[in-house]
Amino acid sequence: MTVKLNKKAFDHAKRLVKDGKVVKDARDDWSEHAPSTKDENAFLAKHGHAEYSKWFLGVDDEHPDDQKGHYKFPIGDFTKIHRCGVIAAESRAGQYDYDDIRDALGKLLEKIDQD
């Protein structure tokens, strides 16, 4: 499995942070704030894979880009970035040695915490 940074999602996330579209929630809130499978499926059906992909900082090239399994490390609820999602993703990326993703998430967290 080769998981790498989704640069389009990273750029999208930086724009959202710059525009103030961030929920500055607590570190452990992601289990409650993460989109459900139902939410993911509804968003995907309405907006397609191109928009769906903007909410995941990692992509797995072992899965085609028209499958949900291609997208890893969610960071928001399809309207706003969640600080807790960024922290959770950064931690998991570090656990699996996805250094480029971990570093991007760290930069994103810095931007969130600056504002």
PDB file of N, CA and C in Angstrom:
ATOM      1  N   MET A   1       0.853  -1.186   0.000  1.00  0.00           N
ATOM      2  CA  MET A   1       0.000   0.000   0.000  1.00  0.00           C
ATOM      3  C   MET A   1       0.889   1.237   0.000  1.00  0.00           C
ATOM      4  N   THR A   2       0.651   2.107  -0.950  1.00  0.00           N
ATOM      5  CA  THR A   2       1.363   3.366  -1.002  1.00  0.00           C
ATOM      6  C   THR A   2       0.368   4.489  -0.743  1.00  0.00           C
ATOM      7  N   VAL A   3       0.503   5.094   0.420  1.00  0.00           N
ATOM      8  CA  VAL A   3      -0.338   6.227   0.774  1.00  0.00           C
ATOM      9  C   VAL A   3       0.532   7.468   0.731  1.00  0.00           C
ATOM     10  N   LYS A   4       0.043   8.481   0.029  1.00  0.00           N
ATOM     11  CA  LYS A   4       0.822   9.709  -0.088  1.00  0.00           C
ATOM     12  C   LYS A   4      -0.076  10.919   0.108  1.00  0.00           C
ATOM     13  N   LEU A   5       0.558  12.061   0.256  1.00  0.00           N
ATOM     14  CA  LEU A   5      -0.151  13.311   0.487  1.00  0.00           C
ATOM     15  C   LEU A   5      -1.037  13.664  -0.703  1.00  0.00           C
ATOM     16  N   ASN A   6      -2.259  14.017  -0.409  1.00  0.00           N
ATOM     17  CA  ASN A   6      -3.205  14.527  -1.394  1.00  0.00           C
ATOM     18  C   ASN A   6      -3.015  16.051  -1.432  1.00  0.00           C
ATOM     19  N   LYS A   7      -2.208  16.523  -2.346  1.00  0.00           N
ATOM     20  CA  LYS A   7      -1.851  17.945  -2.398  1.00  0.00           C
ATOM     21  C   LYS A   7      -3.058  18.840  -2.672  1.00  0.00           C
ATOM     22  N   LYS A   8      -3.995  18.374  -3.473  1.00  0.00           N
ATOM     23  CA  LYS A   8      -5.203  19.169  -3.738  1.00  0.00           C
ATOM     24  C   LYS A   8      -6.007  19.359  -2.450  1.00  0.00           C
ATOM     25  N   ALA A   9      -6.091  18.309  -1.644  1.00  0.00           N
ATOM     26  CA  ALA A   9      -6.818  18.408  -0.375  1.00  0.00           C
ATOM     27  C   ALA A   9      -6.078  19.327   0.594  1.00  0.00           C
ATOM     28  N   PHE A  10      -4.756  19.253   0.584  1.00  0.00           N
ATOM     29  CA  PHE A  10      -3.965  20.119   1.460  1.00  0.00           C
ATOM     30  C   PHE A  10      -4.174  21.588   1.082  1.00  0.00           C
ATOM     31  N   ASP A  11      -4.152  21.885  -0.194  1.00  0.00           N
ATOM     32  CA  ASP A  11      -4.398  23.256  -0.648  1.00  0.00           C
ATOM     33  C   ASP A  11      -5.813  23.713  -0.295  1.00  0.00           C
ATOM     34  N   HIS A  12      -6.770  22.820  -0.474  1.00  0.00           N
ATOM     35  CA  HIS A  12      -8.166  23.121  -0.126  1.00  0.00           C
ATOM     36  C   HIS A  12      -8.283  23.400   1.369  1.00  0.00           C
ATOM     37  N   ALA A  13      -7.647  22.595   2.186  1.00  0.00           N
ATOM     38  CA  ALA A  13      -7.692  22.769   3.639  1.00  0.00           C
ATOM     39  C   ALA A  13      -7.077  24.104   4.051  1.00  0.00           C
ATOM     40  N   LYS A  14      -5.961  24.464   3.443  1.00  0.00           N
ATOM     41  CA  LYS A  14      -5.325  25.746   3.771  1.00  0.00           C
ATOM     42  C   LYS A  14      -6.246  26.914   3.418  1.00  0.00           C
ATOM     43  N   ARG A  15      -6.943  26.816   2.290  1.00  0.00           N
ATOM     44  CA  ARG A  15      -7.895  27.871   1.904  1.00  0.00           C
ATOM     45  C   ARG A  15      -9.041  27.964   2.915  1.00  0.00           C
ATOM     46  N   LEU A  16      -9.548  26.814   3.334  1.00  0.00           N
ATOM     47  CA  LEU A  16     -10.638  26.821   4.308  1.00  0.00           C
ATOM     48  C   LEU A  16     -10.199  27.450   5.624  1.00  0.00           C
ATOM     49  N   VAL A  17      -9.005  27.127   6.071  1.00  0.00           N
ATOM     50  CA  VAL A  17      -8.487  27.712   7.313  1.00  0.00           C
ATOM     51  C   VAL A  17      -8.352  29.221   7.142  1.00  0.00           C
ATOM     52  N   LYS A  18      -7.788  29.636   6.025  1.00  0.00           N
ATOM     53  CA  LYS A  18      -7.613  31.071   5.752  1.00  0.00           C
ATOM     54  C   LYS A  18      -8.954  31.795   5.757  1.00  0.00           C
ATOM     55  N   ASP A  19      -9.992  31.123   5.241  1.00  0.00           N
ATOM     56  CA  ASP A  19     -11.332  31.706   5.176  1.00  0.00           C
ATOM     57  C   ASP A  19     -12.117  31.562   6.481  1.00  0.00           C
ATOM     58  N   GLY A  20     -11.492  30.979   7.498  1.00  0.00           N
ATOM     59  CA  GLY A  20     -12.148  30.835   8.800  1.00  0.00           C
ATOM     60  C   GLY A  20     -13.150  29.703   8.883  1.00  0.00           C
ATOM     61  N   LYS A  21     -13.098  28.793   7.938  1.00  0.00           N
ATOM     62  CA  LYS A  21     -14.036  27.665   7.938  1.00  0.00           C
ATOM     63  C   LYS A  21     -13.433  26.505   8.722  1.00  0.00           C
ATOM     64  N   VAL A  22     -13.330  26.737  10.043  1.00  0.00           N
ATOM     65  CA  VAL A  22     -12.675  25.798  10.949  1.00  0.00           C
ATOM     66  C   VAL A  22     -13.504  25.675  12.218  1.00  0.00           C
ATOM     67  N   VAL A  23     -13.591  24.467  12.731  1.00  0.00           N
ATOM     68  CA  VAL A  23     -14.175  24.232  14.040  1.00  0.00           C
ATOM     69  C   VAL A  23     -13.006  23.959  14.983  1.00  0.00           C
ATOM     70  N   LYS A  24     -12.823  24.842  15.949  1.00  0.00           N
ATOM     71  CA  LYS A  24     -11.698  24.707  16.887  1.00  0.00           C
ATOM     72  C   LYS A  24     -12.156  23.900  18.095  1.00  0.00           C
ATOM     73  N   ASP A  25     -12.340  22.631  17.853  1.00  0.00           N
ATOM     74  CA  ASP A  25     -12.847  21.738  18.877  1.00  0.00           C
ATOM     75  C   ASP A  25     -11.702  21.094  19.649  1.00  0.00           C
ATOM     76  N   ALA A  26     -12.064  20.315  20.659  1.00  0.00           N
ATOM     77  CA  ALA A  26     -11.077  19.658  21.524  1.00  0.00           C
ATOM     78  C   ALA A  26     -10.487  18.432  20.837  1.00  0.00           C
ATOM     79  N   ARG A  27      -9.322  18.081  21.263  1.00  0.00           N
ATOM     80  CA  ARG A  27      -8.542  16.998  20.675  1.00  0.00           C
ATOM     81  C   ARG A  27      -9.341  15.702  20.506  1.00  0.00           C
ATOM     82  N   ASP A  28     -10.119  15.341  21.483  1.00  0.00           N
ATOM     83  CA  ASP A  28     -10.785  14.036  21.485  1.00  0.00           C
ATOM     84  C   ASP A  28     -12.205  14.053  20.914  1.00  0.00           C
ATOM     85  N   ASP A  29     -12.596  15.123  20.250  1.00  0.00           N
ATOM     86  CA  ASP A  29     -13.960  15.240  19.733  1.00  0.00           C
ATOM     87  C   ASP A  29     -14.194  14.565  18.381  1.00  0.00           C
ATOM     88  N   TRP A  30     -13.154  14.085  17.744  1.00  0.00           N
ATOM     89  CA  TRP A  30     -13.298  13.577  16.376  1.00  0.00           C
ATOM     90  C   TRP A  30     -14.253  12.403  16.288  1.00  0.00           C
ATOM     91  N   SER A  31     -14.286  11.548  17.294  1.00  0.00           N
ATOM     92  CA  SER A  31     -15.191  10.393  17.221  1.00  0.00           C
ATOM     93  C   SER A  31     -16.651  10.846  17.134  1.00  0.00           C
ATOM     94  N   GLU A  32     -16.957  12.009  17.687  1.00  0.00           N
ATOM     95  CA  GLU A  32     -18.317  12.545  17.618  1.00  0.00           C
ATOM     96  C   GLU A  32     -18.527  13.436  16.401  1.00  0.00           C
ATOM     97  N   HIS A  33     -17.461  14.068  15.906  1.00  0.00           N
ATOM     98  CA  HIS A  33     -17.584  15.049  14.835  1.00  0.00           C
ATOM     99  C   HIS A  33     -17.312  14.498  13.436  1.00  0.00           C
ATOM    100  N   ALA A  34     -16.673  13.355  13.360  1.00  0.00           N
ATOM    101  CA  ALA A  34     -16.354  12.771  12.049  1.00  0.00           C
ATOM    102  C   ALA A  34     -17.645  12.428  11.310  1.00  0.00           C
ATOM    103  N   PRO A  35     -17.664  12.637  10.007  1.00  0.00           N
ATOM    104  CA  PRO A  35     -18.859  12.277   9.240  1.00  0.00           C
ATOM    105  C   PRO A  35     -19.123  10.776   9.307  1.00  0.00           C
ATOM    106  N   SER A  36     -20.381  10.434   9.405  1.00  0.00           N
ATOM    107  CA  SER A  36     -20.765   9.020   9.405  1.00  0.00           C
ATOM    108  C   SER A  36     -20.645   8.465   7.988  1.00  0.00           C
ATOM    109  N   THR A  37     -20.713   7.170   7.872  1.00  0.00           N
ATOM    110  CA  THR A  37     -20.716   6.538   6.550  1.00  0.00           C
ATOM    111  C   THR A  37     -21.893   7.053   5.728  1.00  0.00           C
ATOM    112  N   LYS A  38     -23.023   7.232   6.374  1.00  0.00           N
ATOM    113  CA  LYS A  38     -24.208   7.765   5.690  1.00  0.00           C
ATOM    114  C   LYS A  38     -23.930   9.168   5.157  1.00  0.00           C
ATOM    115  N   ASP A  39     -23.296  10.017   5.982  1.00  0.00           N
ATOM    116  CA  ASP A  39     -22.947  11.377   5.557  1.00  0.00           C
ATOM    117  C   ASP A  39     -21.971  11.343   4.377  1.00  0.00           C
ATOM    118  N   GLU A  40     -20.969  10.477   4.478  1.00  0.00           N
ATOM    119  CA  GLU A  40     -19.994  10.343   3.391  1.00  0.00           C
ATOM    120  C   GLU A  40     -20.673   9.936   2.094  1.00  0.00           C
ATOM    121  N   ASN A  41     -21.523   8.923   2.168  1.00  0.00           N
ATOM    122  CA  ASN A  41     -22.204   8.422   0.971  1.00  0.00           C
ATOM    123  C   ASN A  41     -23.114   9.482   0.357  1.00  0.00           C
ATOM    124  N   ALA A  42     -23.806  10.240   1.201  1.00  0.00           N
ATOM    125  CA  ALA A  42     -24.694  11.288   0.706  1.00  0.00           C
ATOM    126  C   ALA A  42     -23.892  12.396   0.016  1.00  0.00           C
ATOM    127  N   PHE A  43     -22.773  12.795   0.632  1.00  0.00           N
ATOM    128  CA  PHE A  43     -21.932  13.826   0.027  1.00  0.00           C
ATOM    129  C   PHE A  43     -21.368  13.341  -1.303  1.00  0.00           C
ATOM    130  N   LEU A  44     -20.890  12.125  -1.320  1.00  0.00           N
ATOM    131  CA  LEU A  44     -20.313  11.542  -2.527  1.00  0.00           C
ATOM    132  C   LEU A  44     -21.348  11.459  -3.648  1.00  0.00           C
ATOM    133  N   ALA A  45     -22.550  11.034  -3.327  1.00  0.00           N
ATOM    134  CA  ALA A  45     -23.610  10.923  -4.331  1.00  0.00           C
ATOM    135  C   ALA A  45     -23.979  12.291  -4.908  1.00  0.00           C
ATOM    136  N   LYS A  46     -23.962  13.303  -4.068  1.00  0.00           N
ATOM    137  CA  LYS A  46     -24.358  14.642  -4.502  1.00  0.00           C
ATOM    138  C   LYS A  46     -23.237  15.395  -5.221  1.00  0.00           C
ATOM    139  N   HIS A  47     -21.984  15.223  -4.763  1.00  0.00           N
ATOM    140  CA  HIS A  47     -20.884  16.058  -5.248  1.00  0.00           C
ATOM    141  C   HIS A  47     -19.827  15.324  -6.069  1.00  0.00           C
ATOM    142  N   GLY A  48     -19.788  14.009  -5.987  1.00  0.00           N
ATOM    143  CA  GLY A  48     -18.819  13.233  -6.752  1.00  0.00           C
ATOM    144  C   GLY A  48     -17.461  13.113  -6.077  1.00  0.00           C
ATOM    145  N   HIS A  49     -16.609  12.302  -6.690  1.00  0.00           N
ATOM    146  CA  HIS A  49     -15.304  11.986  -6.103  1.00  0.00           C
ATOM    147  C   HIS A  49     -14.345  13.172  -6.075  1.00  0.00           C
ATOM    148  N   ALA A  50     -14.425  14.064  -7.050  1.00  0.00           N
ATOM    149  CA  ALA A  50     -13.508  15.210  -7.082  1.00  0.00           C
ATOM    150  C   ALA A  50     -13.686  16.086  -5.843  1.00  0.00           C
ATOM    151  N   GLU A  51     -14.923  16.355  -5.460  1.00  0.00           N
ATOM    152  CA  GLU A  51     -15.178  17.161  -4.257  1.00  0.00           C
ATOM    153  C   GLU A  51     -14.922  16.347  -2.985  1.00  0.00           C
ATOM    154  N   TYR A  52     -15.313  15.094  -3.010  1.00  0.00           N
ATOM    155  CA  TYR A  52     -15.104  14.206  -1.867  1.00  0.00           C
ATOM    156  C   TYR A  52     -13.622  14.128  -1.510  1.00  0.00           C
ATOM    157  N   SER A  53     -12.775  14.049  -2.521  1.00  0.00           N
ATOM    158  CA  SER A  53     -11.339  13.876  -2.300  1.00  0.00           C
ATOM    159  C   SER A  53     -10.702  15.056  -1.578  1.00  0.00           C
ATOM    160  N   LYS A  54     -11.311  16.226  -1.644  1.00  0.00           N
ATOM    161  CA  LYS A  54     -10.746  17.429  -1.020  1.00  0.00           C
ATOM    162  C   LYS A  54     -10.763  17.379   0.497  1.00  0.00           C
ATOM    163  N   TRP A  55     -11.422  16.397   1.075  1.00  0.00           N
ATOM    164  CA  TRP A  55     -11.561  16.306   2.527  1.00  0.00           C
ATOM    165  C   TRP A  55     -10.670  15.231   3.140  1.00  0.00           C
ATOM    166  N   PHE A  56      -9.749  14.685   2.338  1.00  0.00           N
ATOM    167  CA  PHE A  56      -8.869  13.606   2.805  1.00  0.00           C
ATOM    168  C   PHE A  56      -7.428  13.939   2.435  1.00  0.00           C
ATOM    169  N   LEU A  57      -6.551  13.986   3.445  1.00  0.00           N
ATOM    170  CA  LEU A  57      -5.168  14.408   3.195  1.00  0.00           C
ATOM    171  C   LEU A  57      -4.291  13.300   2.644  1.00  0.00           C
ATOM    172  N   GLY A  58      -4.791  12.075   2.594  1.00  0.00           N
ATOM    173  CA  GLY A  58      -4.012  10.982   2.034  1.00  0.00           C
ATOM    174  C   GLY A  58      -4.767  10.268   0.936  1.00  0.00           C
ATOM    175  N   VAL A  59      -4.003   9.738  -0.029  1.00  0.00           N
ATOM    176  CA  VAL A  59      -4.578   8.899  -1.074  1.00  0.00           C
ATOM    177  C   VAL A  59      -3.781   7.602  -1.159  1.00  0.00           C
ATOM    178  N   ASP A  60      -4.492   6.517  -1.376  1.00  0.00           N
ATOM    179  CA  ASP A  60      -3.909   5.176  -1.438  1.00  0.00           C
ATOM    180  C   ASP A  60      -3.992   4.686  -2.876  1.00  0.00           C
ATOM    181  N   ASP A  61      -2.838   4.571  -3.525  1.00  0.00           N
ATOM    182  CA  ASP A  61      -2.838   4.215  -4.944  1.00  0.00           C
ATOM    183  C   ASP A  61      -3.145   2.740  -5.212  1.00  0.00           C
ATOM    184  N   GLU A  62      -3.365   1.959  -4.165  1.00  0.00           N
ATOM    185  CA  GLU A  62      -3.780   0.574  -4.373  1.00  0.00           C
ATOM    186  C   GLU A  62      -5.279   0.461  -4.655  1.00  0.00           C
ATOM    187  N   HIS A  63      -5.995   1.559  -4.458  1.00  0.00           N
ATOM    188  CA  HIS A  63      -7.429   1.604  -4.738  1.00  0.00           C
ATOM    189  C   HIS A  63      -7.675   2.626  -5.834  1.00  0.00           C
ATOM    190  N   PRO A  64      -8.582   2.359  -6.754  1.00  0.00           N
ATOM    191  CA  PRO A  64      -8.907   3.346  -7.790  1.00  0.00           C
ATOM    192  C   PRO A  64      -9.478   4.618  -7.164  1.00  0.00           C
ATOM    193  N   ASP A  65      -9.296   5.737  -7.838  1.00  0.00           N
ATOM    194  CA  ASP A  65      -9.742   7.000  -7.259  1.00  0.00           C
ATOM    195  C   ASP A  65     -11.258   7.189  -7.285  1.00  0.00           C
ATOM    196  N   ASP A  66     -11.983   6.230  -7.820  1.00  0.00           N
ATOM    197  CA  ASP A  66     -13.438   6.293  -7.754  1.00  0.00           C
ATOM    198  C   ASP A  66     -14.004   5.371  -6.667  1.00  0.00           C
ATOM    199  N   GLN A  67     -13.142   4.970  -5.725  1.00  0.00           N
ATOM    200  CA  GLN A  67     -13.566   4.172  -4.575  1.00  0.00           C
ATOM    201  C   GLN A  67     -13.232   4.915  -3.293  1.00  0.00           C
ATOM    202  N   LYS A  68     -14.093   4.796  -2.304  1.00  0.00           N
ATOM    203  CA  LYS A  68     -13.855   5.474  -1.028  1.00  0.00           C
ATOM    204  C   LYS A  68     -12.547   5.018  -0.381  1.00  0.00           C
ATOM    205  N   GLY A  69     -12.137   3.793  -0.591  1.00  0.00           N
ATOM    206  CA  GLY A  69     -10.909   3.269  -0.003  1.00  0.00           C
ATOM    207  C   GLY A  69      -9.653   3.970  -0.494  1.00  0.00           C
ATOM    208  N   HIS A  70      -9.765   4.713  -1.575  1.00  0.00           N
ATOM    209  CA  HIS A  70      -8.624   5.471  -2.110  1.00  0.00           C
ATOM    210  C   HIS A  70      -8.255   6.641  -1.199  1.00  0.00           C
ATOM    211  N   TYR A  71      -9.214   7.117  -0.403  1.00  0.00           N
ATOM    212  CA  TYR A  71      -9.039   8.334   0.379  1.00  0.00           C
ATOM    213  C   TYR A  71      -8.833   8.019   1.859  1.00  0.00           C
ATOM    214  N   LYS A  72      -7.785   8.598   2.424  1.00  0.00           N
ATOM    215  CA  LYS A  72      -7.394   8.352   3.817  1.00  0.00           C
ATOM    216  C   LYS A  72      -7.218   9.687   4.535  1.00  0.00           C
ATOM    217  N   PHE A  73      -7.304   9.654   5.828  1.00  0.00           N
ATOM    218  CA  PHE A  73      -7.042  10.794   6.700  1.00  0.00           C
ATOM    219  C   PHE A  73      -8.032  11.944   6.495  1.00  0.00           C
ATOM    220  N   PRO A  74      -9.301  11.696   6.867  1.00  0.00           N
ATOM    221  CA  PRO A  74     -10.312  12.756   6.783  1.00  0.00           C
ATOM    222  C   PRO A  74     -10.026  13.855   7.815  1.00  0.00           C
ATOM    223  N   ILE A  75     -10.384  15.095   7.452  1.00  0.00           N
ATOM    224  CA  ILE A  75     -10.085  16.211   8.350  1.00  0.00           C
ATOM    225  C   ILE A  75     -11.265  17.160   8.564  1.00  0.00           C
ATOM    226  N   GLY A  76     -12.425  16.830   8.034  1.00  0.00           N
ATOM    227  CA  GLY A  76     -13.549  17.732   8.192  1.00  0.00           C
ATOM    228  C   GLY A  76     -14.874  17.046   7.973  1.00  0.00           C
ATOM    229  N   ASP A  77     -15.924  17.859   8.038  1.00  0.00           N
ATOM    230  CA  ASP A  77     -17.292  17.339   7.934  1.00  0.00           C
ATOM    231  C   ASP A  77     -17.961  17.710   6.611  1.00  0.00           C
ATOM    232  N   PHE A  78     -17.159  18.053   5.614  1.00  0.00           N
ATOM    233  CA  PHE A  78     -17.602  18.441   4.274  1.00  0.00           C
ATOM    234  C   PHE A  78     -18.126  19.877   4.209  1.00  0.00           C
ATOM    235  N   THR A  79     -18.025  20.612   5.315  1.00  0.00           N
ATOM    236  CA  THR A  79     -18.322  22.044   5.301  1.00  0.00           C
ATOM    237  C   THR A  79     -17.188  22.834   5.953  1.00  0.00           C
ATOM    238  N   LYS A  80     -16.599  22.250   6.999  1.00  0.00           N
ATOM    239  CA  LYS A  80     -15.518  22.917   7.726  1.00  0.00           C
ATOM    240  C   LYS A  80     -14.438  21.904   8.116  1.00  0.00           C
ATOM    241  N   ILE A  81     -13.220  22.425   8.280  1.00  0.00           N
ATOM    242  CA  ILE A  81     -12.124  21.632   8.830  1.00  0.00           C
ATOM    243  C   ILE A  81     -12.348  21.532  10.329  1.00  0.00           C
ATOM    244  N   HIS A  82     -12.085  20.382  10.901  1.00  0.00           N
ATOM    245  CA  HIS A  82     -12.177  20.220  12.344  1.00  0.00           C
ATOM    246  C   HIS A  82     -10.776  20.035  12.919  1.00  0.00           C
ATOM    247  N   ARG A  83     -10.453  20.850  13.902  1.00  0.00           N
ATOM    248  CA  ARG A  83      -9.151  20.759  14.558  1.00  0.00           C
ATOM    249  C   ARG A  83      -8.913  19.344  15.081  1.00  0.00           C
ATOM    250  N   CYS A  84      -9.935  18.749  15.682  1.00  0.00           N
ATOM    251  CA  CYS A  84      -9.798  17.402  16.231  1.00  0.00           C
ATOM    252  C   CYS A  84      -9.512  16.377  15.131  1.00  0.00           C
ATOM    253  N   GLY A  85     -10.073  16.580  13.937  1.00  0.00           N
ATOM    254  CA  GLY A  85      -9.809  15.686  12.813  1.00  0.00           C
ATOM    255  C   GLY A  85      -8.376  15.801  12.333  1.00  0.00           C
ATOM    256  N   VAL A  86      -7.856  17.020  12.328  1.00  0.00           N
ATOM    257  CA  VAL A  86      -6.466  17.251  11.931  1.00  0.00           C
ATOM    258  C   VAL A  86      -5.531  16.573  12.935  1.00  0.00           C
ATOM    259  N   ILE A  87      -5.822  16.721  14.218  1.00  0.00           N
ATOM    260  CA  ILE A  87      -4.985  16.100  15.257  1.00  0.00           C
ATOM    261  C   ILE A  87      -5.031  14.581  15.150  1.00  0.00           C
ATOM    262  N   ALA A  88      -6.222  14.022  14.973  1.00  0.00           N
ATOM    263  CA  ALA A  88      -6.361  12.562  14.855  1.00  0.00           C
ATOM    264  C   ALA A  88      -5.611  12.043  13.639  1.00  0.00           C
ATOM    265  N   ALA A  89      -5.748  12.734  12.523  1.00  0.00           N
ATOM    266  CA  ALA A  89      -5.066  12.314  11.295  1.00  0.00           C
ATOM    267  C   ALA A  89      -3.551  12.436  11.439  1.00  0.00           C
ATOM    268  N   GLU A  90      -3.091  13.503  12.069  1.00  0.00           N
ATOM    269  CA  GLU A  90      -1.652  13.689  12.269  1.00  0.00           C
ATOM    270  C   GLU A  90      -1.080  12.554  13.115  1.00  0.00           C
ATOM    271  N   SER A  91      -1.785  12.179  14.148  1.00  0.00           N
ATOM    272  CA  SER A  91      -1.342  11.090  15.014  1.00  0.00           C
ATOM    273  C   SER A  91      -1.269   9.768  14.253  1.00  0.00           C
ATOM    274  N   ARG A  92      -2.312   9.462  13.483  1.00  0.00           N
ATOM    275  CA  ARG A  92      -2.321   8.205  12.715  1.00  0.00           C
ATOM    276  C   ARG A  92      -1.265   8.191  11.630  1.00  0.00           C
ATOM    277  N   ALA A  93      -1.072   9.319  10.970  1.00  0.00           N
ATOM    278  CA  ALA A  93      -0.044   9.400   9.920  1.00  0.00           C
ATOM    279  C   ALA A  93       1.332   9.145  10.526  1.00  0.00           C
ATOM    280  N   GLY A  94       1.563   9.680  11.715  1.00  0.00           N
ATOM    281  CA  GLY A  94       2.831   9.444  12.397  1.00  0.00           C
ATOM    282  C   GLY A  94       3.018   7.985  12.783  1.00  0.00           C
ATOM    283  N   GLN A  95       1.950   7.346  13.227  1.00  0.00           N
ATOM    284  CA  GLN A  95       2.016   5.929  13.609  1.00  0.00           C
ATOM    285  C   GLN A  95       2.415   5.050  12.441  1.00  0.00           C
ATOM    286  N   TYR A  96       1.980   5.403  11.249  1.00  0.00           N
ATOM    287  CA  TYR A  96       2.231   4.585  10.070  1.00  0.00           C
ATOM    288  C   TYR A  96       3.385   5.102   9.204  1.00  0.00           C
ATOM    289  N   ASP A  97       4.126   6.076   9.748  1.00  0.00           N
ATOM    290  CA  ASP A  97       5.305   6.632   9.065  1.00  0.00           C
ATOM    291  C   ASP A  97       4.991   7.278   7.719  1.00  0.00           C
ATOM    292  N   TYR A  98       3.840   7.908   7.612  1.00  0.00           N
ATOM    293  CA  TYR A  98       3.513   8.701   6.440  1.00  0.00           C
ATOM    294  C   TYR A  98       3.963  10.133   6.725  1.00  0.00           C
ATOM    295  N   ASP A  99       5.262  10.335   6.627  1.00  0.00           N
ATOM    296  CA  ASP A  99       5.868  11.583   7.077  1.00  0.00           C
ATOM    297  C   ASP A  99       5.371  12.803   6.316  1.00  0.00           C
ATOM    298  N   ASP A 100       5.153  12.678   5.004  1.00  0.00           N
ATOM    299  CA  ASP A 100       4.690  13.837   4.240  1.00  0.00           C
ATOM    300  C   ASP A 100       3.289  14.261   4.679  1.00  0.00           C
ATOM    301  N   ILE A 101       2.444  13.284   4.977  1.00  0.00           N
ATOM    302  CA  ILE A 101       1.086  13.583   5.431  1.00  0.00           C
ATOM    303  C   ILE A 101       1.135  14.152   6.849  1.00  0.00           C
ATOM    304  N   ARG A 102       1.911  13.538   7.718  1.00  0.00           N
ATOM    305  CA  ARG A 102       2.047  14.016   9.097  1.00  0.00           C
ATOM    306  C   ARG A 102       2.543  15.459   9.116  1.00  0.00           C
ATOM    307  N   ASP A 103       3.557  15.755   8.308  1.00  0.00           N
ATOM    308  CA  ASP A 103       4.118  17.105   8.281  1.00  0.00           C
ATOM    309  C   ASP A 103       3.108  18.128   7.760  1.00  0.00           C
ATOM    310  N   ALA A 104       2.354  17.756   6.731  1.00  0.00           N
ATOM    311  CA  ALA A 104       1.327  18.656   6.193  1.00  0.00           C
ATOM    312  C   ALA A 104       0.252  18.924   7.248  1.00  0.00           C
ATOM    313  N   LEU A 105      -0.145  17.891   7.953  1.00  0.00           N
ATOM    314  CA  LEU A 105      -1.153  18.060   8.997  1.00  0.00           C
ATOM    315  C   LEU A 105      -0.624  18.918  10.136  1.00  0.00           C
ATOM    316  N   GLY A 106       0.649  18.773  10.464  1.00  0.00           N
ATOM    317  CA  GLY A 106       1.260  19.615  11.487  1.00  0.00           C
ATOM    318  C   GLY A 106       1.233  21.082  11.081  1.00  0.00           C
ATOM    319  N   LYS A 107       1.533  21.358   9.824  1.00  0.00           N
ATOM    320  CA  LYS A 107       1.487  22.736   9.316  1.00  0.00           C
ATOM    321  C   LYS A 107       0.059  23.276   9.352  1.00  0.00           C
ATOM    322  N   LEU A 108      -0.887  22.431   9.002  1.00  0.00           N
ATOM    323  CA  LEU A 108      -2.286  22.833   9.029  1.00  0.00           C
ATOM    324  C   LEU A 108      -2.721  23.150  10.464  1.00  0.00           C
ATOM    325  N   LEU A 109      -2.310  22.334  11.403  1.00  0.00           N
ATOM    326  CA  LEU A 109      -2.660  22.570  12.801  1.00  0.00           C
ATOM    327  C   LEU A 109      -2.054  23.877  13.303  1.00  0.00           C
ATOM    328  N   GLU A 110      -0.827  24.166  12.900  1.00  0.00           N
ATOM    329  CA  GLU A 110      -0.200  25.439  13.265  1.00  0.00           C
ATOM    330  C   GLU A 110      -1.032  26.608  12.757  1.00  0.00           C
ATOM    331  N   LYS A 111      -1.489  26.535  11.513  1.00  0.00           N
ATOM    332  CA  LYS A 111      -2.308  27.608  10.933  1.00  0.00           C
ATOM    333  C   LYS A 111      -3.633  27.755  11.702  1.00  0.00           C
ATOM    334  N   ILE A 112      -4.227  26.634  12.049  1.00  0.00           N
ATOM    335  CA  ILE A 112      -5.488  26.676  12.805  1.00  0.00           C
ATOM    336  C   ILE A 112      -5.269  27.346  14.159  1.00  0.00           C
ATOM    337  N   ASP A 113      -4.194  26.977  14.841  1.00  0.00           N
ATOM    338  CA  ASP A 113      -3.942  27.486  16.180  1.00  0.00           C
ATOM    339  C   ASP A 113      -3.443  28.929  16.202  1.00  0.00           C
ATOM    340  N   GLN A 114      -2.957  29.429  15.073  1.00  0.00           N
ATOM    341  CA  GLN A 114      -2.503  30.824  14.987  1.00  0.00           C
ATOM    342  C   GLN A 114      -3.668  31.792  15.024  1.00  0.00           C
ATOM    343  N   ASP A 115      -4.763  31.394  14.471  1.00  0.00           N
ATOM    344  CA  ASP A 115      -5.920  32.312  14.379  1.00  0.00           C
ATOM    345  C   ASP A 115      -6.720  32.350  15.655  1.00  0.00           C
TER     346      ASP A 115
END
